Structures are given as structure tokens and as C-alpha cells.
Amino acid sequence: PEPAVTESAKRHWSNNMRLTIATVEGEDF
């Protein structure tokens, strides 16, 4: 909903993407 312009926001959304990929690549698929 907001642009990731701060380092904190970038880390937060990177962690979300990392969790998503870990879930599907390590478990679902």
C-alpha cells in the first residue's frame, strides 16, 4: 500500500517475499 522507501520498509517486505517463496518452494510445490 505504501512505497518501500526506507531501509526498514525494504527489509519488512523483503522478509515477506522471502517467507512466501520459502513456503511454496520448500513445501507446496
mmCIF file of all heavy atoms, coordinates in Angstrom:
data_MODEL
# 
_entry.id   MODEL 
# 
loop_
_atom_site.group_PDB 
_atom_site.id 
_atom_site.type_symbol 
_atom_site.label_atom_id 
_atom_site.label_alt_id 
_atom_site.label_comp_id 
_atom_site.label_asym_id 
_atom_site.label_entity_id 
_atom_site.label_seq_id 
_atom_site.pdbx_PDB_ins_code 
_atom_site.Cartn_x 
_atom_site.Cartn_y 
_atom_site.Cartn_z 
_atom_site.occupancy 
_atom_site.B_iso_or_equiv 
_atom_site.pdbx_formal_charge 
_atom_site.auth_seq_id 
_atom_site.auth_comp_id 
_atom_site.auth_asym_id 
_atom_site.auth_atom_id 
_atom_site.pdbx_PDB_model_num 
ATOM 1   N N   . PRO A 1 1  ? 0.802  -1.232  0.000  1.00 0.00 ? 1  PRO A N   1 
ATOM 2   C CA  . PRO A 1 1  ? 0.000  0.000   0.000  1.00 0.00 ? 1  PRO A CA  1 
ATOM 3   C C   . PRO A 1 1  ? 0.828  1.272   0.000  1.00 0.00 ? 1  PRO A C   1 
ATOM 4   O O   . PRO A 1 1  ? 0.354  2.322   -0.432 1.00 0.00 ? 1  PRO A O   1 
ATOM 5   C CB  . PRO A 1 1  ? -0.835 -0.119  1.282  1.00 0.00 ? 1  PRO A CB  1 
ATOM 6   C CG  . PRO A 1 1  ? -0.067 -1.062  2.147  1.00 0.00 ? 1  PRO A CG  1 
ATOM 7   C CD  . PRO A 1 1  ? 0.610  -2.028  1.220  1.00 0.00 ? 1  PRO A CD  1 
ATOM 8   N N   . GLU A 1 2  ? 2.055  1.198   0.481  1.00 0.00 ? 2  GLU A N   1 
ATOM 9   C CA  . GLU A 1 2  ? 2.954  2.353   0.503  1.00 0.00 ? 2  GLU A CA  1 
ATOM 10  C C   . GLU A 1 2  ? 4.266  1.977   -0.182 1.00 0.00 ? 2  GLU A C   1 
ATOM 11  O O   . GLU A 1 2  ? 4.682  0.814   -0.140 1.00 0.00 ? 2  GLU A O   1 
ATOM 12  C CB  . GLU A 1 2  ? 3.238  2.798   1.947  1.00 0.00 ? 2  GLU A CB  1 
ATOM 13  C CG  . GLU A 1 2  ? 2.003  3.173   2.746  1.00 0.00 ? 2  GLU A CG  1 
ATOM 14  C CD  . GLU A 1 2  ? 1.331  4.443   2.236  1.00 0.00 ? 2  GLU A CD  1 
ATOM 15  O OE1 . GLU A 1 2  ? 2.017  5.230   1.546  1.00 0.00 ? 2  GLU A OE1 1 
ATOM 16  O OE2 . GLU A 1 2  ? 0.137  4.629   2.525  1.00 0.00 ? 2  GLU A OE2 1 
ATOM 17  N N   . PRO A 1 3  ? 4.939  2.935   -0.808 1.00 0.00 ? 3  PRO A N   1 
ATOM 18  C CA  . PRO A 1 3  ? 6.230  2.609   -1.430 1.00 0.00 ? 3  PRO A CA  1 
ATOM 19  C C   . PRO A 1 3  ? 7.271  2.265   -0.378 1.00 0.00 ? 3  PRO A C   1 
ATOM 20  O O   . PRO A 1 3  ? 7.286  2.846   0.716  1.00 0.00 ? 3  PRO A O   1 
ATOM 21  C CB  . PRO A 1 3  ? 6.594  3.895   -2.178 1.00 0.00 ? 3  PRO A CB  1 
ATOM 22  C CG  . PRO A 1 3  ? 5.868  4.980   -1.454 1.00 0.00 ? 3  PRO A CG  1 
ATOM 23  C CD  . PRO A 1 3  ? 4.580  4.367   -0.970 1.00 0.00 ? 3  PRO A CD  1 
ATOM 24  N N   . ALA A 1 4  ? 8.114  1.316   -0.691 1.00 0.00 ? 4  ALA A N   1 
ATOM 25  C CA  . ALA A 1 4  ? 9.170  0.904   0.241  1.00 0.00 ? 4  ALA A CA  1 
ATOM 26  C C   . ALA A 1 4  ? 10.385 1.805   0.018  1.00 0.00 ? 4  ALA A C   1 
ATOM 27  O O   . ALA A 1 4  ? 11.278 1.489   -0.762 1.00 0.00 ? 4  ALA A O   1 
ATOM 28  C CB  . ALA A 1 4  ? 9.529  -0.558  0.020  1.00 0.00 ? 4  ALA A CB  1 
ATOM 29  N N   . VAL A 1 5  ? 10.422 2.917   0.716  1.00 0.00 ? 5  VAL A N   1 
ATOM 30  C CA  . VAL A 1 5  ? 11.498 3.894   0.509  1.00 0.00 ? 5  VAL A CA  1 
ATOM 31  C C   . VAL A 1 5  ? 12.516 3.873   1.646  1.00 0.00 ? 5  VAL A C   1 
ATOM 32  O O   . VAL A 1 5  ? 13.660 4.293   1.451  1.00 0.00 ? 5  VAL A O   1 
ATOM 33  C CB  . VAL A 1 5  ? 10.920 5.316   0.337  1.00 0.00 ? 5  VAL A CB  1 
ATOM 34  C CG1 . VAL A 1 5  ? 10.110 5.405   -0.952 1.00 0.00 ? 5  VAL A CG1 1 
ATOM 35  C CG2 . VAL A 1 5  ? 10.054 5.705   1.529  1.00 0.00 ? 5  VAL A CG2 1 
ATOM 36  N N   . THR A 1 6  ? 12.125 3.405   2.814  1.00 0.00 ? 6  THR A N   1 
ATOM 37  C CA  . THR A 1 6  ? 13.066 3.349   3.928  1.00 0.00 ? 6  THR A CA  1 
ATOM 38  C C   . THR A 1 6  ? 13.708 1.964   3.990  1.00 0.00 ? 6  THR A C   1 
ATOM 39  O O   . THR A 1 6  ? 13.163 0.984   3.480  1.00 0.00 ? 6  THR A O   1 
ATOM 40  C CB  . THR A 1 6  ? 12.364 3.640   5.265  1.00 0.00 ? 6  THR A CB  1 
ATOM 41  O OG1 . THR A 1 6  ? 11.447 2.574   5.557  1.00 0.00 ? 6  THR A OG1 1 
ATOM 42  C CG2 . THR A 1 6  ? 11.590 4.959   5.187  1.00 0.00 ? 6  THR A CG2 1 
ATOM 43  N N   . GLU A 1 7  ? 14.847 1.878   4.629  1.00 0.00 ? 7  GLU A N   1 
ATOM 44  C CA  . GLU A 1 7  ? 15.503 0.590   4.779  1.00 0.00 ? 7  GLU A CA  1 
ATOM 45  C C   . GLU A 1 7  ? 14.657 -0.367  5.600  1.00 0.00 ? 7  GLU A C   1 
ATOM 46  O O   . GLU A 1 7  ? 14.617 -1.569  5.333  1.00 0.00 ? 7  GLU A O   1 
ATOM 47  C CB  . GLU A 1 7  ? 16.881 0.777   5.437  1.00 0.00 ? 7  GLU A CB  1 
ATOM 48  C CG  . GLU A 1 7  ? 17.899 1.479   4.543  1.00 0.00 ? 7  GLU A CG  1 
ATOM 49  C CD  . GLU A 1 7  ? 18.092 0.731   3.222  1.00 0.00 ? 7  GLU A CD  1 
ATOM 50  O OE1 . GLU A 1 7  ? 18.212 -0.510  3.256  1.00 0.00 ? 7  GLU A OE1 1 
ATOM 51  O OE2 . GLU A 1 7  ? 18.115 1.389   2.178  1.00 0.00 ? 7  GLU A OE2 1 
ATOM 52  N N   . SER A 1 8  ? 13.955 0.158   6.599  1.00 0.00 ? 8  SER A N   1 
ATOM 53  C CA  . SER A 1 8  ? 13.090 -0.676  7.418  1.00 0.00 ? 8  SER A CA  1 
ATOM 54  C C   . SER A 1 8  ? 11.967 -1.281  6.577  1.00 0.00 ? 8  SER A C   1 
ATOM 55  O O   . SER A 1 8  ? 11.653 -2.475  6.695  1.00 0.00 ? 8  SER A O   1 
ATOM 56  C CB  . SER A 1 8  ? 12.490 0.157   8.559  1.00 0.00 ? 8  SER A CB  1 
ATOM 57  O OG  . SER A 1 8  ? 11.575 -0.614  9.311  1.00 0.00 ? 8  SER A OG  1 
ATOM 58  N N   . ALA A 1 9  ? 11.346 -0.472  5.717  1.00 0.00 ? 9  ALA A N   1 
ATOM 59  C CA  . ALA A 1 9  ? 10.263 -0.968  4.865  1.00 0.00 ? 9  ALA A CA  1 
ATOM 60  C C   . ALA A 1 9  ? 10.793 -1.994  3.871  1.00 0.00 ? 9  ALA A C   1 
ATOM 61  O O   . ALA A 1 9  ? 10.142 -3.015  3.610  1.00 0.00 ? 9  ALA A O   1 
ATOM 62  C CB  . ALA A 1 9  ? 9.602  0.194   4.134  1.00 0.00 ? 9  ALA A CB  1 
ATOM 63  N N   . LYS A 1 10 ? 11.959 -1.735  3.319  1.00 0.00 ? 10 LYS A N   1 
ATOM 64  C CA  . LYS A 1 10 ? 12.536 -2.685  2.370  1.00 0.00 ? 10 LYS A CA  1 
ATOM 65  C C   . LYS A 1 10 ? 12.811 -4.027  3.040  1.00 0.00 ? 10 LYS A C   1 
ATOM 66  O O   . LYS A 1 10 ? 12.564 -5.087  2.460  1.00 0.00 ? 10 LYS A O   1 
ATOM 67  C CB  . LYS A 1 10 ? 13.819 -2.109  1.771  1.00 0.00 ? 10 LYS A CB  1 
ATOM 68  C CG  . LYS A 1 10 ? 13.583 -0.914  0.860  1.00 0.00 ? 10 LYS A CG  1 
ATOM 69  C CD  . LYS A 1 10 ? 14.906 -0.314  0.382  1.00 0.00 ? 10 LYS A CD  1 
ATOM 70  C CE  . LYS A 1 10 ? 14.668 0.915   -0.481 1.00 0.00 ? 10 LYS A CE  1 
ATOM 71  N NZ  . LYS A 1 10 ? 15.950 1.540   -0.912 1.00 0.00 ? 10 LYS A NZ  1 
ATOM 72  N N   . ARG A 1 11 ? 13.332 -3.993  4.265  1.00 0.00 ? 11 ARG A N   1 
ATOM 73  C CA  . ARG A 1 11 ? 13.586 -5.241  4.993  1.00 0.00 ? 11 ARG A CA  1 
ATOM 74  C C   . ARG A 1 11 ? 12.280 -5.968  5.281  1.00 0.00 ? 11 ARG A C   1 
ATOM 75  O O   . ARG A 1 11 ? 12.192 -7.200  5.149  1.00 0.00 ? 11 ARG A O   1 
ATOM 76  C CB  . ARG A 1 11 ? 14.333 -4.955  6.294  1.00 0.00 ? 11 ARG A CB  1 
ATOM 77  C CG  . ARG A 1 11 ? 15.809 -4.651  6.136  1.00 0.00 ? 11 ARG A CG  1 
ATOM 78  C CD  . ARG A 1 11 ? 16.530 -4.737  7.475  1.00 0.00 ? 11 ARG A CD  1 
ATOM 79  N NE  . ARG A 1 11 ? 15.956 -3.831  8.461  1.00 0.00 ? 11 ARG A NE  1 
ATOM 80  C CZ  . ARG A 1 11 ? 16.359 -2.572  8.621  1.00 0.00 ? 11 ARG A CZ  1 
ATOM 81  N NH1 . ARG A 1 11 ? 17.332 -2.084  7.869  1.00 0.00 ? 11 ARG A NH1 1 
ATOM 82  N NH2 . ARG A 1 11 ? 15.798 -1.803  9.543  1.00 0.00 ? 11 ARG A NH2 1 
ATOM 83  N N   . HIS A 1 12 ? 11.265 -5.207  5.686  1.00 0.00 ? 12 HIS A N   1 
ATOM 84  C CA  . HIS A 1 12 ? 9.981  -5.806  6.027  1.00 0.00 ? 12 HIS A CA  1 
ATOM 85  C C   . HIS A 1 12 ? 9.383  -6.543  4.842  1.00 0.00 ? 12 HIS A C   1 
ATOM 86  O O   . HIS A 1 12 ? 8.997  -7.711  4.949  1.00 0.00 ? 12 HIS A O   1 
ATOM 87  C CB  . HIS A 1 12 ? 9.008  -4.725  6.510  1.00 0.00 ? 12 HIS A CB  1 
ATOM 88  C CG  . HIS A 1 12 ? 7.622  -5.222  6.762  1.00 0.00 ? 12 HIS A CG  1 
ATOM 89  N ND1 . HIS A 1 12 ? 7.289  -5.974  7.869  1.00 0.00 ? 12 HIS A ND1 1 
ATOM 90  C CD2 . HIS A 1 12 ? 6.474  -5.080  6.035  1.00 0.00 ? 12 HIS A CD2 1 
ATOM 91  C CE1 . HIS A 1 12 ? 6.000  -6.278  7.827  1.00 0.00 ? 12 HIS A CE1 1 
ATOM 92  N NE2 . HIS A 1 12 ? 5.481  -5.755  6.727  1.00 0.00 ? 12 HIS A NE2 1 
ATOM 93  N N   . TRP A 1 13 ? 9.326  -5.874  3.692  1.00 0.00 ? 13 TRP A N   1 
ATOM 94  C CA  . TRP A 1 13 ? 8.686  -6.506  2.531  1.00 0.00 ? 13 TRP A CA  1 
ATOM 95  C C   . TRP A 1 13 ? 9.578  -7.573  1.913  1.00 0.00 ? 13 TRP A C   1 
ATOM 96  O O   . TRP A 1 13 ? 9.070  -8.564  1.368  1.00 0.00 ? 13 TRP A O   1 
ATOM 97  C CB  . TRP A 1 13 ? 8.288  -5.445  1.506  1.00 0.00 ? 13 TRP A CB  1 
ATOM 98  C CG  . TRP A 1 13 ? 7.235  -4.513  2.027  1.00 0.00 ? 13 TRP A CG  1 
ATOM 99  C CD1 . TRP A 1 13 ? 7.319  -3.157  2.158  1.00 0.00 ? 13 TRP A CD1 1 
ATOM 100 C CD2 . TRP A 1 13 ? 5.941  -4.875  2.527  1.00 0.00 ? 13 TRP A CD2 1 
ATOM 101 N NE1 . TRP A 1 13 ? 6.172  -2.649  2.698  1.00 0.00 ? 13 TRP A NE1 1 
ATOM 102 C CE2 . TRP A 1 13 ? 5.308  -3.682  2.931  1.00 0.00 ? 13 TRP A CE2 1 
ATOM 103 C CE3 . TRP A 1 13 ? 5.268  -6.089  2.676  1.00 0.00 ? 13 TRP A CE3 1 
ATOM 104 C CZ2 . TRP A 1 13 ? 4.015  -3.669  3.463  1.00 0.00 ? 13 TRP A CZ2 1 
ATOM 105 C CZ3 . TRP A 1 13 ? 3.987  -6.081  3.212  1.00 0.00 ? 13 TRP A CZ3 1 
ATOM 106 C CH2 . TRP A 1 13 ? 3.373  -4.888  3.596  1.00 0.00 ? 13 TRP A CH2 1 
ATOM 107 N N   . SER A 1 14 ? 10.884 -7.415  2.028  1.00 0.00 ? 14 SER A N   1 
ATOM 108 C CA  . SER A 1 14 ? 11.786 -8.488  1.578  1.00 0.00 ? 14 SER A CA  1 
ATOM 109 C C   . SER A 1 14 ? 11.582 -9.746  2.408  1.00 0.00 ? 14 SER A C   1 
ATOM 110 O O   . SER A 1 14 ? 11.601 -10.862 1.873  1.00 0.00 ? 14 SER A O   1 
ATOM 111 C CB  . SER A 1 14 ? 13.244 -8.030  1.664  1.00 0.00 ? 14 SER A CB  1 
ATOM 112 O OG  . SER A 1 14 ? 13.514 -7.002  0.733  1.00 0.00 ? 14 SER A OG  1 
ATOM 113 N N   . ASN A 1 15 ? 11.369 -9.579  3.700  1.00 0.00 ? 15 ASN A N   1 
ATOM 114 C CA  . ASN A 1 15 ? 11.113 -10.732 4.565  1.00 0.00 ? 15 ASN A CA  1 
ATOM 115 C C   . ASN A 1 15 ? 9.790  -11.401 4.205  1.00 0.00 ? 15 ASN A C   1 
ATOM 116 O O   . ASN A 1 15 ? 9.671  -12.633 4.249  1.00 0.00 ? 15 ASN A O   1 
ATOM 117 C CB  . ASN A 1 15 ? 11.115 -10.307 6.032  1.00 0.00 ? 15 ASN A CB  1 
ATOM 118 C CG  . ASN A 1 15 ? 12.510 -9.997  6.550  1.00 0.00 ? 15 ASN A CG  1 
ATOM 119 O OD1 . ASN A 1 15 ? 13.503 -10.492 6.012  1.00 0.00 ? 15 ASN A OD1 1 
ATOM 120 N ND2 . ASN A 1 15 ? 12.595 -9.177  7.586  1.00 0.00 ? 15 ASN A ND2 1 
ATOM 121 N N   . ASN A 1 16 ? 8.783  -10.586 3.865  1.00 0.00 ? 16 ASN A N   1 
ATOM 122 C CA  . ASN A 1 16 ? 7.511  -11.151 3.445  1.00 0.00 ? 16 ASN A CA  1 
ATOM 123 C C   . ASN A 1 16 ? 7.667  -11.965 2.161  1.00 0.00 ? 16 ASN A C   1 
ATOM 124 O O   . ASN A 1 16 ? 7.128  -13.068 2.043  1.00 0.00 ? 16 ASN A O   1 
ATOM 125 C CB  . ASN A 1 16 ? 6.479  -10.035 3.233  1.00 0.00 ? 16 ASN A CB  1 
ATOM 126 C CG  . ASN A 1 16 ? 5.737  -9.675  4.499  1.00 0.00 ? 16 ASN A CG  1 
ATOM 127 O OD1 . ASN A 1 16 ? 4.673  -10.210 4.788  1.00 0.00 ? 16 ASN A OD1 1 
ATOM 128 N ND2 . ASN A 1 16 ? 6.300  -8.756  5.259  1.00 0.00 ? 16 ASN A ND2 1 
ATOM 129 N N   . MET A 1 17 ? 8.403  -11.424 1.203  1.00 0.00 ? 17 MET A N   1 
ATOM 130 C CA  . MET A 1 17 ? 8.632  -12.155 -0.044 1.00 0.00 ? 17 MET A CA  1 
ATOM 131 C C   . MET A 1 17 ? 9.441  -13.417 0.225  1.00 0.00 ? 17 MET A C   1 
ATOM 132 O O   . MET A 1 17 ? 9.157  -14.489 -0.334 1.00 0.00 ? 17 MET A O   1 
ATOM 133 C CB  . MET A 1 17 ? 9.354  -11.262 -1.052 1.00 0.00 ? 17 MET A CB  1 
ATOM 134 C CG  . MET A 1 17 ? 9.663  -11.938 -2.381 1.00 0.00 ? 17 MET A CG  1 
ATOM 135 S SD  . MET A 1 17 ? 8.177  -12.415 -3.301 1.00 0.00 ? 17 MET A SD  1 
ATOM 136 C CE  . MET A 1 17 ? 7.992  -10.986 -4.387 1.00 0.00 ? 17 MET A CE  1 
ATOM 137 N N   . ARG A 1 18 ? 10.424 -13.328 1.100  1.00 0.00 ? 18 ARG A N   1 
ATOM 138 C CA  . ARG A 1 18 ? 11.257 -14.482 1.428  1.00 0.00 ? 18 ARG A CA  1 
ATOM 139 C C   . ARG A 1 18 ? 10.419 -15.586 2.075  1.00 0.00 ? 18 ARG A C   1 
ATOM 140 O O   . ARG A 1 18 ? 10.569 -16.773 1.746  1.00 0.00 ? 18 ARG A O   1 
ATOM 141 C CB  . ARG A 1 18 ? 12.383 -14.051 2.356  1.00 0.00 ? 18 ARG A CB  1 
ATOM 142 C CG  . ARG A 1 18 ? 13.455 -15.128 2.590  1.00 0.00 ? 18 ARG A CG  1 
ATOM 143 C CD  . ARG A 1 18 ? 14.567 -14.605 3.458  1.00 0.00 ? 18 ARG A CD  1 
ATOM 144 N NE  . ARG A 1 18 ? 15.227 -13.447 2.856  1.00 0.00 ? 18 ARG A NE  1 
ATOM 145 C CZ  . ARG A 1 18 ? 15.161 -12.214 3.342  1.00 0.00 ? 18 ARG A CZ  1 
ATOM 146 N NH1 . ARG A 1 18 ? 14.499 -11.967 4.464  1.00 0.00 ? 18 ARG A NH1 1 
ATOM 147 N NH2 . ARG A 1 18 ? 15.771 -11.223 2.739  1.00 0.00 ? 18 ARG A NH2 1 
ATOM 148 N N   . LEU A 1 19 ? 9.502  -15.219 2.979  1.00 0.00 ? 19 LEU A N   1 
ATOM 149 C CA  . LEU A 1 19 ? 8.647  -16.202 3.625  1.00 0.00 ? 19 LEU A CA  1 
ATOM 150 C C   . LEU A 1 19 ? 7.721  -16.868 2.606  1.00 0.00 ? 19 LEU A C   1 
ATOM 151 O O   . LEU A 1 19 ? 7.517  -18.087 2.635  1.00 0.00 ? 19 LEU A O   1 
ATOM 152 C CB  . LEU A 1 19 ? 7.822  -15.551 4.729  1.00 0.00 ? 19 LEU A CB  1 
ATOM 153 C CG  . LEU A 1 19 ? 6.780  -16.447 5.410  1.00 0.00 ? 19 LEU A CG  1 
ATOM 154 C CD1 . LEU A 1 19 ? 7.442  -17.631 6.088  1.00 0.00 ? 19 LEU A CD1 1 
ATOM 155 C CD2 . LEU A 1 19 ? 5.958  -15.635 6.416  1.00 0.00 ? 19 LEU A CD2 1 
ATOM 156 N N   . THR A 1 20 ? 7.172  -16.076 1.700  1.00 0.00 ? 20 THR A N   1 
ATOM 157 C CA  . THR A 1 20 ? 6.279  -16.625 0.680  1.00 0.00 ? 20 THR A CA  1 
ATOM 158 C C   . THR A 1 20 ? 7.008  -17.637 -0.193 1.00 0.00 ? 20 THR A C   1 
ATOM 159 O O   . THR A 1 20 ? 6.514  -18.745 -0.441 1.00 0.00 ? 20 THR A O   1 
ATOM 160 C CB  . THR A 1 20 ? 5.707  -15.496 -0.193 1.00 0.00 ? 20 THR A CB  1 
ATOM 161 O OG1 . THR A 1 20 ? 4.954  -14.593 0.623  1.00 0.00 ? 20 THR A OG1 1 
ATOM 162 C CG2 . THR A 1 20 ? 4.806  -16.051 -1.287 1.00 0.00 ? 20 THR A CG2 1 
ATOM 163 N N   . ILE A 1 21 ? 8.187  -17.270 -0.652 1.00 0.00 ? 21 ILE A N   1 
ATOM 164 C CA  . ILE A 1 21 ? 8.938  -18.167 -1.531 1.00 0.00 ? 21 ILE A CA  1 
ATOM 165 C C   . ILE A 1 21 ? 9.405  -19.402 -0.778 1.00 0.00 ? 21 ILE A C   1 
ATOM 166 O O   . ILE A 1 21 ? 9.374  -20.523 -1.302 1.00 0.00 ? 21 ILE A O   1 
ATOM 167 C CB  . ILE A 1 21 ? 10.117 -17.412 -2.166 1.00 0.00 ? 21 ILE A CB  1 
ATOM 168 C CG1 . ILE A 1 21 ? 9.575  -16.341 -3.143 1.00 0.00 ? 21 ILE A CG1 1 
ATOM 169 C CG2 . ILE A 1 21 ? 11.052 -18.370 -2.899 1.00 0.00 ? 21 ILE A CG2 1 
ATOM 170 C CD1 . ILE A 1 21 ? 10.635 -15.490 -3.784 1.00 0.00 ? 21 ILE A CD1 1 
ATOM 171 N N   . ALA A 1 22 ? 9.818  -19.233 0.473  1.00 0.00 ? 22 ALA A N   1 
ATOM 172 C CA  . ALA A 1 22 ? 10.220 -20.398 1.273  1.00 0.00 ? 22 ALA A CA  1 
ATOM 173 C C   . ALA A 1 22 ? 9.057  -21.363 1.458  1.00 0.00 ? 22 ALA A C   1 
ATOM 174 O O   . ALA A 1 22 ? 9.240  -22.590 1.446  1.00 0.00 ? 22 ALA A O   1 
ATOM 175 C CB  . ALA A 1 22 ? 10.744 -19.940 2.632  1.00 0.00 ? 22 ALA A CB  1 
ATOM 176 N N   . THR A 1 23 ? 7.857  -20.822 1.598  1.00 0.00 ? 23 THR A N   1 
ATOM 177 C CA  . THR A 1 23 ? 6.673  -21.661 1.798  1.00 0.00 ? 23 THR A CA  1 
ATOM 178 C C   . THR A 1 23 ? 6.359  -22.475 0.554  1.00 0.00 ? 23 THR A C   1 
ATOM 179 O O   . THR A 1 23 ? 6.157  -23.691 0.621  1.00 0.00 ? 23 THR A O   1 
ATOM 180 C CB  . THR A 1 23 ? 5.458  -20.799 2.191  1.00 0.00 ? 23 THR A CB  1 
ATOM 181 O OG1 . THR A 1 23 ? 5.760  -20.070 3.384  1.00 0.00 ? 23 THR A OG1 1 
ATOM 182 C CG2 . THR A 1 23 ? 4.237  -21.660 2.427  1.00 0.00 ? 23 THR A CG2 1 
ATOM 183 N N   . VAL A 1 24 ? 6.323  -21.805 -0.604 1.00 0.00 ? 24 VAL A N   1 
ATOM 184 C CA  . VAL A 1 24 ? 5.915  -22.529 -1.818 1.00 0.00 ? 24 VAL A CA  1 
ATOM 185 C C   . VAL A 1 24 ? 7.045  -23.382 -2.375 1.00 0.00 ? 24 VAL A C   1 
ATOM 186 O O   . VAL A 1 24 ? 6.815  -24.509 -2.840 1.00 0.00 ? 24 VAL A O   1 
ATOM 187 C CB  . VAL A 1 24 ? 5.386  -21.557 -2.894 1.00 0.00 ? 24 VAL A CB  1 
ATOM 188 C CG1 . VAL A 1 24 ? 4.140  -20.843 -2.390 1.00 0.00 ? 24 VAL A CG1 1 
ATOM 189 C CG2 . VAL A 1 24 ? 6.443  -20.545 -3.338 1.00 0.00 ? 24 VAL A CG2 1 
ATOM 190 N N   . GLU A 1 25 ? 8.280  -22.876 -2.335 1.00 0.00 ? 25 GLU A N   1 
ATOM 191 C CA  . GLU A 1 25 ? 9.390  -23.634 -2.917 1.00 0.00 ? 25 GLU A CA  1 
ATOM 192 C C   . GLU A 1 25 ? 9.863  -24.752 -1.992 1.00 0.00 ? 25 GLU A C   1 
ATOM 193 O O   . GLU A 1 25 ? 10.329 -25.791 -2.470 1.00 0.00 ? 25 GLU A O   1 
ATOM 194 C CB  . GLU A 1 25 ? 10.554 -22.700 -3.261 1.00 0.00 ? 25 GLU A CB  1 
ATOM 195 C CG  . GLU A 1 25 ? 10.274 -21.799 -4.448 1.00 0.00 ? 25 GLU A CG  1 
ATOM 196 C CD  . GLU A 1 25 ? 11.563 -21.332 -5.116 1.00 0.00 ? 25 GLU A CD  1 
ATOM 197 O OE1 . GLU A 1 25 ? 12.520 -20.992 -4.388 1.00 0.00 ? 25 GLU A OE1 1 
ATOM 198 O OE2 . GLU A 1 25 ? 11.593 -21.317 -6.362 1.00 0.00 ? 25 GLU A OE2 1 
ATOM 199 N N   . GLY A 1 26 ? 9.762  -24.545 -0.697 1.00 0.00 ? 26 GLY A N   1 
ATOM 200 C CA  . GLY A 1 26 ? 10.232 -25.570 0.232  1.00 0.00 ? 26 GLY A CA  1 
ATOM 201 C C   . GLY A 1 26 ? 9.168  -26.564 0.634  1.00 0.00 ? 26 GLY A C   1 
ATOM 202 O O   . GLY A 1 26 ? 9.493  -27.657 1.116  1.00 0.00 ? 26 GLY A O   1 
ATOM 203 N N   . GLU A 1 27 ? 7.883  -26.204 0.428  1.00 0.00 ? 27 GLU A N   1 
ATOM 204 C CA  . GLU A 1 27 ? 6.809  -27.044 0.939  1.00 0.00 ? 27 GLU A CA  1 
ATOM 205 C C   . GLU A 1 27 ? 5.732  -27.344 -0.112 1.00 0.00 ? 27 GLU A C   1 
ATOM 206 O O   . GLU A 1 27 ? 5.512  -28.496 -0.476 1.00 0.00 ? 27 GLU A O   1 
ATOM 207 C CB  . GLU A 1 27 ? 6.199  -26.363 2.177  1.00 0.00 ? 27 GLU A CB  1 
ATOM 208 C CG  . GLU A 1 27 ? 7.229  -26.192 3.292  1.00 0.00 ? 27 GLU A CG  1 
ATOM 209 C CD  . GLU A 1 27 ? 6.804  -25.226 4.394  1.00 0.00 ? 27 GLU A CD  1 
ATOM 210 O OE1 . GLU A 1 27 ? 5.813  -24.500 4.205  1.00 0.00 ? 27 GLU A OE1 1 
ATOM 211 O OE2 . GLU A 1 27 ? 7.477  -25.197 5.432  1.00 0.00 ? 27 GLU A OE2 1 
ATOM 212 N N   . ASP A 1 28 ? 5.051  -26.330 -0.621 1.00 0.00 ? 28 ASP A N   1 
ATOM 213 C CA  . ASP A 1 28 ? 3.912  -26.565 -1.517 1.00 0.00 ? 28 ASP A CA  1 
ATOM 214 C C   . ASP A 1 28 ? 4.290  -27.245 -2.830 1.00 0.00 ? 28 ASP A C   1 
ATOM 215 O O   . ASP A 1 28 ? 3.768  -28.322 -3.165 1.00 0.00 ? 28 ASP A O   1 
ATOM 216 C CB  . ASP A 1 28 ? 3.220  -25.238 -1.839 1.00 0.00 ? 28 ASP A CB  1 
ATOM 217 C CG  . ASP A 1 28 ? 2.373  -24.734 -0.693 1.00 0.00 ? 28 ASP A CG  1 
ATOM 218 O OD1 . ASP A 1 28 ? 1.512  -25.487 -0.218 1.00 0.00 ? 28 ASP A OD1 1 
ATOM 219 O OD2 . ASP A 1 28 ? 2.567  -23.581 -0.280 1.00 0.00 ? 28 ASP A OD2 1 
ATOM 220 N N   . PHE A 1 29 ? 5.159  -26.620 -3.584 1.00 0.00 ? 29 PHE A N   1 
ATOM 221 C CA  . PHE A 1 29 ? 5.385  -27.088 -4.951 1.00 0.00 ? 29 PHE A CA  1 
ATOM 222 C C   . PHE A 1 29 ? 6.163  -28.398 -5.038 1.00 0.00 ? 29 PHE A C   1 
ATOM 223 O O   . PHE A 1 29 ? 5.919  -29.191 -5.956 1.00 0.00 ? 29 PHE A O   1 
ATOM 224 C CB  . PHE A 1 29 ? 6.046  -25.985 -5.777 1.00 0.00 ? 29 PHE A CB  1 
ATOM 225 C CG  . PHE A 1 29 ? 5.169  -24.762 -5.945 1.00 0.00 ? 29 PHE A CG  1 
ATOM 226 C CD1 . PHE A 1 29 ? 5.729  -23.517 -6.191 1.00 0.00 ? 29 PHE A CD1 1 
ATOM 227 C CD2 . PHE A 1 29 ? 3.787  -24.849 -5.850 1.00 0.00 ? 29 PHE A CD2 1 
ATOM 228 C CE1 . PHE A 1 29 ? 4.926  -22.391 -6.342 1.00 0.00 ? 29 PHE A CE1 1 
ATOM 229 C CE2 . PHE A 1 29 ? 2.977  -23.733 -5.984 1.00 0.00 ? 29 PHE A CE2 1 
ATOM 230 C CZ  . PHE A 1 29 ? 3.551  -22.492 -6.237 1.00 0.00 ? 29 PHE A CZ  1 
# 
